[in-house]
Amino acid sequence: MDALTLFGLFAVTAMLVTYALEDRSHWFVLLFAMSCGLGSAYGFLQGAWPFGVVEAIWAVVAARRWCLRPR
């Protein structure tokens, strides 16, 4: 397994875990947004730009949810 594949595995695993834990703390919403950003970077780095674009949009949506969520 090469470094790019490991990076992608880390990014999508972080997305899954932080999404599952979002109800526990508003910080998990922010971590989910950052994980989506990592997933987007992975998509662009591997040449799958549609995946990169969609993950970038998810990152913005999650960051907005974090900003609007009561603390």
Protein backbone atom coordinates (compact mmCIF):
# COMPACT_ATOMS: atom_id res chain seq x y z
CA MET A 1 0.00 0.00 0.00
CA ASP A 2 1.51 3.34 -1.01
CA ALA A 3 1.47 6.59 0.96
CA LEU A 4 -1.37 8.14 -1.08
CA THR A 5 -3.60 5.14 -0.43
CA LEU A 6 -2.83 5.29 3.29
CA PHE A 7 -3.66 9.00 3.29
CA GLY A 8 -6.99 8.28 1.60
CA LEU A 9 -7.77 5.50 4.05
CA PHE A 10 -7.03 7.83 6.95
CA ALA A 11 -9.20 10.60 5.46
CA VAL A 12 -12.30 8.48 4.85
CA THR A 13 -11.91 6.65 8.18
CA ALA A 14 -11.73 9.99 9.97
CA MET A 15 -14.84 11.12 8.09
CA LEU A 16 -16.74 8.01 9.16
CA VAL A 17 -15.72 8.21 12.82
CA THR A 18 -16.31 11.94 13.22
CA TYR A 19 -19.68 11.74 11.43
CA ALA A 20 -20.76 8.97 13.80
CA LEU A 21 -19.76 11.08 16.82
CA GLU A 22 -21.27 14.42 15.71
CA ASP A 23 -24.08 14.28 18.29
CA ARG A 24 -21.59 14.09 21.16
CA SER A 25 -19.92 17.47 20.63
CA HIS A 26 -19.86 20.37 18.20
CA TRP A 27 -16.12 19.75 17.86
CA PHE A 28 -16.82 16.51 16.00
CA VAL A 29 -18.71 18.55 13.40
CA LEU A 30 -15.60 20.67 12.88
CA LEU A 31 -13.41 17.55 12.73
CA PHE A 32 -15.81 16.09 10.16
CA ALA A 33 -15.42 19.23 8.05
CA MET A 34 -11.65 18.96 8.26
CA SER A 35 -11.82 15.26 7.38
CA CYS A 36 -13.89 16.12 4.32
CA GLY A 37 -11.16 18.59 3.37
CA LEU A 38 -8.61 15.77 3.63
CA GLY A 39 -10.87 13.55 1.53
CA SER A 40 -11.07 16.30 -1.05
CA ALA A 41 -7.30 16.63 -1.16
CA TYR A 42 -7.03 12.87 -1.60
CA GLY A 43 -9.48 12.95 -4.49
CA PHE A 44 -7.53 15.64 -6.30
CA LEU A 45 -4.17 13.99 -5.58
CA GLN A 46 -5.27 10.67 -7.02
CA GLY A 47 -6.77 12.32 -10.09
CA ALA A 48 -10.45 11.77 -9.27
CA TRP A 49 -11.42 15.43 -9.46
CA PRO A 50 -15.23 14.81 -9.22
CA PHE A 51 -14.64 13.14 -5.85
CA GLY A 52 -12.41 16.03 -4.83
CA VAL A 53 -15.05 18.60 -5.77
CA VAL A 54 -17.86 16.79 -3.93
CA GLU A 55 -15.76 16.36 -0.81
CA ALA A 56 -14.81 20.06 -0.92
CA ILE A 57 -18.50 20.94 -1.01
CA TRP A 58 -19.15 18.61 1.93
CA ALA A 59 -16.34 20.33 3.83
CA VAL A 60 -17.98 23.74 3.31
CA VAL A 61 -21.42 22.40 4.29
CA ALA A 62 -20.03 20.81 7.46
CA ALA A 63 -18.07 23.94 8.38
CA ARG A 64 -21.26 25.98 8.00
CA ARG A 65 -23.11 23.50 10.22
CA TRP A 66 -20.36 23.89 12.82
CA CYS A 67 -20.67 27.69 12.70
CA LEU A 68 -24.45 27.58 13.13
CA ARG A 69 -24.56 24.84 15.76
CA PRO A 70 -25.21 26.01 19.31
CA ARG A 71 -22.35 25.40 21.70
